[in-house]
Protein backbone atom coordinates (compact mmCIF):
# COMPACT_ATOMS: atom_id res chain seq x y z
CA MET A 1 -47.98 -3.52 0.49
CA THR A 2 -50.19 -3.27 4.19
CA GLY A 3 -50.12 -6.26 6.39
CA PRO A 4 -49.55 -7.07 9.33
CA ARG A 5 -45.88 -6.54 10.27
CA SER A 6 -43.45 -8.65 12.26
CA GLY A 7 -40.18 -7.06 13.36
CA GLY A 8 -40.82 -3.98 11.58
CA ALA A 9 -41.03 -5.28 7.89
CA THR A 10 -44.58 -5.66 6.48
CA THR A 11 -45.69 -9.07 5.71
CA VAL A 12 -45.67 -10.71 2.24
CA ARG A 13 -49.50 -11.85 2.13
CA ALA A 14 -49.71 -14.21 -0.65
CA ALA A 15 -52.46 -17.27 -1.65
CA GLY A 16 -52.04 -20.36 -3.86
CA THR A 17 -53.17 -24.14 -4.66
CA VAL A 18 -52.71 -27.94 -4.87
CA LEU A 19 -54.29 -27.49 -8.06
CA TRP A 20 -55.66 -31.78 -8.64
CA ARG A 21 -57.10 -33.27 -11.21
CA ARG A 22 -58.30 -37.01 -11.59
CA ALA A 23 -55.14 -38.93 -13.35
CA PRO A 24 -56.31 -41.36 -16.12
CA ALA A 25 -54.99 -44.08 -14.61
CA GLY A 26 -56.96 -43.55 -11.24
CA GLY A 27 -55.58 -41.10 -8.51
CA VAL A 28 -54.94 -37.97 -9.09
CA GLU A 29 -52.24 -35.69 -10.12
CA ILE A 30 -51.32 -32.12 -9.17
CA ALA A 31 -49.45 -29.54 -11.11
CA LEU A 32 -46.76 -27.85 -10.51
CA VAL A 33 -45.04 -24.83 -12.07
CA HIS A 34 -42.11 -24.06 -13.11
CA ARG A 35 -40.58 -20.61 -13.22
CA PRO A 36 -37.91 -19.46 -15.08
CA ARG A 37 -37.24 -16.43 -12.81
CA TYR A 38 -35.77 -18.27 -9.85
CA ASP A 39 -35.13 -21.83 -12.19
CA ASP A 40 -37.82 -23.89 -9.64
CA TRP A 41 -40.53 -25.87 -9.32
CA SER A 42 -43.08 -24.51 -7.28
CA LEU A 43 -47.16 -24.88 -6.24
CA PRO A 44 -48.79 -22.05 -8.31
CA LYS A 45 -49.27 -18.90 -5.90
CA GLY A 46 -49.01 -15.03 -5.56
CA LYS A 47 -49.25 -12.07 -3.70
CA LEU A 48 -52.86 -10.63 -2.71
CA LYS A 49 -53.58 -7.50 -4.98
CA ARG A 50 -54.80 -4.41 -2.54
CA ASP A 51 -58.53 -5.08 -0.91
CA GLU A 52 -58.38 -8.83 -2.27
CA ASP A 53 -58.75 -11.77 0.53
CA PHE A 54 -56.71 -15.09 0.34
CA ALA A 55 -58.92 -17.49 -1.21
CA ALA A 56 -59.90 -14.81 -4.31
CA ALA A 57 -56.00 -15.03 -4.63
CA ALA A 58 -55.53 -18.19 -4.77
CA VAL A 59 -58.01 -18.82 -7.54
CA ARG A 60 -56.81 -15.89 -9.63
CA GLU A 61 -53.57 -16.51 -9.25
CA THR A 62 -53.88 -20.45 -9.97
CA GLU A 63 -55.49 -19.62 -13.10
CA GLU A 64 -53.11 -16.61 -14.08
CA GLU A 65 -49.79 -19.63 -13.51
CA THR A 66 -51.76 -22.41 -14.87
CA GLY A 67 -54.32 -21.48 -16.73
CA MET A 68 -56.95 -23.77 -14.93
CA ARG A 69 -60.11 -22.64 -13.51
CA CYS A 70 -60.22 -24.34 -10.33
CA VAL A 71 -62.78 -25.15 -7.43
CA LEU A 72 -61.27 -24.69 -4.19
CA GLY A 73 -61.66 -27.28 -1.39
CA ALA A 74 -60.25 -27.39 2.19
CA SER A 75 -57.50 -24.99 3.75
CA LEU A 76 -54.02 -26.26 3.96
CA PRO A 77 -51.21 -24.92 5.85
CA VAL A 78 -50.35 -22.09 6.11
CA SER A 79 -46.26 -21.41 4.68
CA ARG A 80 -44.54 -18.43 6.76
CA TYR A 81 -40.65 -18.05 5.40
CA LEU A 82 -38.68 -14.71 4.31
CA VAL A 83 -38.13 -13.39 0.87
CA GLU A 84 -35.38 -10.94 0.93
CA GLY A 85 -35.33 -10.49 4.63
CA ARG A 86 -39.30 -10.32 4.94
CA PRO A 87 -41.73 -12.48 6.31
CA LYS A 88 -43.65 -13.90 3.87
CA GLU A 89 -47.17 -15.94 4.81
CA VAL A 90 -48.50 -17.77 1.86
CA ARG A 91 -52.24 -19.32 2.29
CA TYR A 92 -52.69 -22.51 0.26
CA TRP A 93 -55.52 -24.76 -0.16
CA SER A 94 -56.54 -27.36 -2.32
CA ALA A 95 -58.67 -26.63 -5.59
CA GLU A 96 -59.64 -29.31 -8.35
CA ALA A 97 -59.10 -28.08 -11.80
CA VAL A 98 -62.09 -28.04 -13.81
CA ASP A 99 -61.13 -26.73 -17.27
CA GLY A 100 -58.57 -24.65 -19.08
CA GLY A 101 -55.06 -24.86 -20.64
CA PHE A 102 -51.80 -23.93 -19.95
CA THR A 103 -49.99 -20.94 -22.26
CA PRO A 104 -46.35 -20.51 -21.16
CA ASN A 105 -45.48 -16.81 -20.08
CA ASP A 106 -42.38 -14.67 -19.03
CA GLU A 107 -43.57 -15.84 -14.86
CA VAL A 108 -44.29 -19.38 -16.04
CA ASP A 109 -42.19 -21.76 -18.89
CA ARG A 110 -43.96 -24.75 -17.95
CA VAL A 111 -46.93 -26.76 -15.74
CA VAL A 112 -46.17 -30.82 -15.34
CA TRP A 113 -49.24 -32.69 -14.10
CA LEU A 114 -47.66 -36.05 -11.18
CA PRO A 115 -49.00 -38.03 -8.71
CA PRO A 116 -48.14 -36.14 -5.26
CA THR A 117 -44.94 -38.68 -4.11
CA THR A 118 -43.55 -37.21 -7.19
CA ALA A 119 -44.60 -34.22 -7.06
CA ARG A 120 -43.44 -33.73 -3.31
CA HIS A 121 -39.91 -34.56 -4.96
CA ARG A 122 -40.04 -32.16 -7.48
CA LEU A 123 -40.59 -29.62 -5.51
CA THR A 124 -37.10 -27.14 -5.36
CA HIS A 125 -38.08 -25.82 -2.13
CA ASP A 126 -38.22 -28.26 1.37
CA ARG A 127 -41.40 -25.36 2.91
CA ASP A 128 -43.74 -26.87 0.39
CA ARG A 129 -43.40 -30.22 0.94
CA PRO A 130 -45.64 -29.84 3.80
CA VAL A 131 -48.73 -28.14 1.67
CA VAL A 132 -48.50 -31.57 -0.22
CA ASP A 133 -48.88 -34.13 2.93
CA ALA A 134 -51.81 -32.06 3.95
CA PHE A 135 -53.22 -32.55 0.51
CA VAL A 136 -52.84 -36.02 0.69
CA GLU A 137 -53.75 -36.67 3.71
CA THR A 138 -56.83 -34.07 3.20
CA VAL A 139 -58.13 -35.77 0.16
CA GLY A 140 -56.59 -39.56 0.62
CA ALA A 141 -53.98 -39.30 -2.75
């Protein structure tokens, strides 16, 4: 994959969302995805395709992983970390779910909708928590 270089390794470029909807009892819920390959709970995200921009990738990956179409809102913090020795950069947005429905697949076998505080604690990776925190500050959830 082409992209920025860091220390000689090509940076993996990815994009994702904090997908949210209005909760029936008030407030908001956010979606987390369970990836059986890693047995983890994560925010919906994925790698950019060739010549795809970050925002388009965020919308596409969110729909592929959750079955939900969404409208992007505010940009959220970028997450940077190493995966198998390669730098990875994930750009995130707040995204309101507008319609659709989840169907389990090989990549994601479960989606849960949780209040932000509960979702924050369910996340497997600490690096995802600041993204949720920024979402809560941005939308006042």
